[in-house]
Amino acid sequence: MFANAYYLSRKFGYNLFLDNTSGYFKKKNQIRSFELDKFNINCSIASKNFKFDTYPLDMKRKFLKGIDLFKNKKK
């Protein structure tokens, strides 16, 4: 997934920001950890306001994804 995001960010000239916490806060995912920082990659860590690393923020993310299904015009 990272390689695809990296390629698309380069192709379209966007900055790539990694979320190093949202995928690991739930108990079932705590056996894994963020390890892309061990590679020599050119991207930044996303700021706190773009992360969904608590249960209330995860619920917000799911709600926003549900609303997005009904949008006619997407950017």
Protein backbone atom coordinates (compact mmCIF):
# COMPACT_ATOMS: atom_id res chain seq x y z
CA MET A 1 0.00 0.00 0.00
CA PHE A 2 2.83 2.35 0.79
CA ALA A 3 4.51 1.75 -2.57
CA ASN A 4 1.26 2.60 -4.37
CA ALA A 5 0.75 5.78 -2.33
CA TYR A 6 4.37 6.77 -2.89
CA TYR A 7 4.07 6.26 -6.65
CA LEU A 8 0.83 8.25 -6.89
CA SER A 9 2.22 11.10 -4.80
CA ARG A 10 5.21 11.37 -7.14
CA LYS A 11 3.12 11.02 -10.30
CA PHE A 12 0.69 13.79 -9.36
CA GLY A 13 3.13 15.98 -7.41
CA TYR A 14 1.50 15.66 -3.97
CA ASN A 15 3.21 15.47 -0.59
CA LEU A 16 2.93 12.07 1.09
CA PHE A 17 2.10 11.98 4.81
CA LEU A 18 2.18 8.73 6.77
CA ASP A 19 -0.13 7.95 9.67
CA ASN A 20 1.99 6.05 12.16
CA THR A 21 -0.61 5.54 14.91
CA SER A 22 -4.17 5.01 13.62
CA GLY A 23 -3.65 1.44 12.48
CA TYR A 24 -2.14 0.32 15.77
CA PHE A 25 -4.27 1.73 18.61
CA LYS A 26 -6.84 -1.09 18.76
CA LYS A 27 -6.00 -4.03 20.99
CA LYS A 28 -6.19 -6.53 18.11
CA ASN A 29 -3.53 -4.57 16.17
CA GLN A 30 -1.07 -3.94 19.00
CA ILE A 31 1.05 -6.95 18.06
CA ARG A 32 2.13 -4.97 14.99
CA SER A 33 4.01 -1.71 14.92
CA PHE A 34 4.86 1.04 12.46
CA GLU A 35 8.16 0.21 10.78
CA LEU A 36 8.29 2.26 7.59
CA ASP A 37 10.47 4.77 9.41
CA LYS A 38 13.30 2.22 9.19
CA PHE A 39 13.53 2.72 5.42
CA ASN A 40 15.12 5.66 3.67
CA ILE A 41 11.90 7.20 2.32
CA ASN A 42 11.08 10.80 1.58
CA CYS A 43 7.78 11.56 3.34
CA SER A 44 6.48 13.13 6.53
CA ILE A 45 4.38 11.94 9.45
CA ALA A 46 0.80 13.26 9.38
CA SER A 47 -0.18 15.81 12.01
CA LYS A 48 -2.50 14.86 14.87
CA ASN A 49 -5.58 16.45 13.26
CA PHE A 50 -5.33 13.99 10.33
CA LYS A 51 -5.11 10.87 12.49
CA PHE A 52 -7.88 8.61 13.77
CA ASP A 53 -6.02 6.98 16.64
CA THR A 54 -8.69 6.83 19.35
CA TYR A 55 -12.05 5.07 19.45
CA PRO A 56 -14.13 8.28 19.11
CA LEU A 57 -12.00 9.41 16.16
CA ASP A 58 -12.27 5.94 14.60
CA MET A 59 -16.08 6.20 14.84
CA LYS A 60 -15.85 9.62 13.17
CA ARG A 61 -13.76 8.08 10.36
CA LYS A 62 -16.34 5.34 9.80
CA PHE A 63 -19.15 7.92 9.77
CA LEU A 64 -17.30 10.09 7.24
CA LYS A 65 -16.65 7.05 5.03
CA GLY A 66 -20.37 6.24 5.09
CA ILE A 67 -21.32 9.78 4.09
CA ASP A 68 -18.74 9.70 1.30
CA LEU A 69 -20.61 6.83 -0.38
CA PHE A 70 -23.53 9.16 -1.03
CA LYS A 71 -21.61 12.09 -2.48
CA ASN A 72 -22.17 12.66 -6.17
CA LYS A 73 -19.20 14.91 -6.82
CA LYS A 74 -15.89 13.88 -5.35
CA LYS A 75 -12.60 15.71 -5.50
